[in-house]
Amino acid sequence: MKIFTNILFLITLIFIVANLLKLDYINPLKGDSMIALISLTASLCAFLLLLIFRMSKKIENKLKK
């Protein structure tokens, strides 16, 4: 499970970087930049969910011991 979550972390980081490169910082709400902004937000949410999942697994392992 740890390897799977690490792979998912890597994928979300790749998506974050790709969307940051696609984002137009002058007009972030026009054209493809809007799609990049939405994708960036979704990628950041996925990253946070994975962090929460990892923390919950650590807490679960500590409670089992």
Protein backbone atom coordinates (compact mmCIF):
# COMPACT_ATOMS: atom_id res chain seq x y z
CA MET A 1 0.00 0.00 0.00
CA LYS A 2 2.90 2.34 0.75
CA ILE A 3 4.34 1.91 -2.74
CA PHE A 4 0.94 2.62 -4.28
CA THR A 5 0.50 5.84 -2.31
CA ASN A 6 4.03 6.94 -3.21
CA ILE A 7 3.23 6.39 -6.89
CA LEU A 8 0.05 8.44 -6.49
CA PHE A 9 2.05 11.21 -4.78
CA LEU A 10 4.45 11.24 -7.72
CA ILE A 11 1.60 11.40 -10.24
CA THR A 12 -0.08 14.30 -8.42
CA LEU A 13 3.21 16.19 -8.25
CA ILE A 14 3.69 15.70 -12.00
CA PHE A 15 0.18 17.04 -12.62
CA ILE A 16 0.83 20.03 -10.36
CA VAL A 17 4.05 20.93 -12.18
CA ALA A 18 2.49 20.42 -15.61
CA ASN A 19 -0.43 22.68 -14.77
CA LEU A 20 1.83 25.33 -13.30
CA LEU A 21 3.75 25.38 -16.56
CA LYS A 22 0.56 25.64 -18.62
CA LEU A 23 -0.90 28.44 -16.49
CA ASP A 24 -0.82 31.97 -17.90
CA TYR A 25 -0.07 34.21 -14.94
CA ILE A 26 -1.17 37.41 -16.68
CA ASN A 27 -4.66 36.16 -17.62
CA PRO A 28 -5.35 33.11 -15.44
CA LEU A 29 -9.08 33.06 -16.21
CA LYS A 30 -8.98 32.92 -20.02
CA GLY A 31 -8.72 29.99 -22.43
CA ASP A 32 -6.49 27.03 -21.62
CA SER A 33 -5.24 28.81 -18.54
CA MET A 34 -8.66 28.39 -16.90
CA ILE A 35 -8.52 24.65 -17.53
CA ALA A 36 -5.01 24.56 -16.07
CA LEU A 37 -6.21 26.46 -13.01
CA ILE A 38 -9.07 24.02 -12.44
CA SER A 39 -6.74 21.05 -12.95
CA LEU A 40 -4.20 22.57 -10.59
CA THR A 41 -6.86 22.96 -7.90
CA ALA A 42 -7.99 19.36 -8.38
CA SER A 43 -4.39 18.12 -8.21
CA LEU A 44 -3.75 20.03 -5.00
CA CYS A 45 -6.93 18.56 -3.49
CA ALA A 46 -5.81 15.07 -4.46
CA PHE A 47 -2.40 15.73 -2.90
CA LEU A 48 -4.02 16.86 0.36
CA LEU A 49 -6.31 13.82 0.40
CA LEU A 50 -3.30 11.55 -0.02
CA LEU A 51 -1.55 13.31 2.87
CA ILE A 52 -4.61 12.80 5.07
CA PHE A 53 -4.78 9.16 4.03
CA ARG A 54 -1.10 8.63 4.88
CA MET A 55 -1.54 10.26 8.30
CA SER A 56 -4.60 8.14 9.05
CA LYS A 57 -2.65 4.98 8.20
CA LYS A 58 0.15 6.04 10.56
CA ILE A 59 -2.36 6.66 13.34
CA GLU A 60 -4.02 3.31 12.64
CA ASN A 61 -0.68 1.51 12.88
CA LYS A 62 0.16 3.22 16.17
CA LEU A 63 -3.22 2.27 17.65
CA LYS A 64 -2.70 -1.38 16.69
CA LYS A 65 0.57 -1.54 18.61
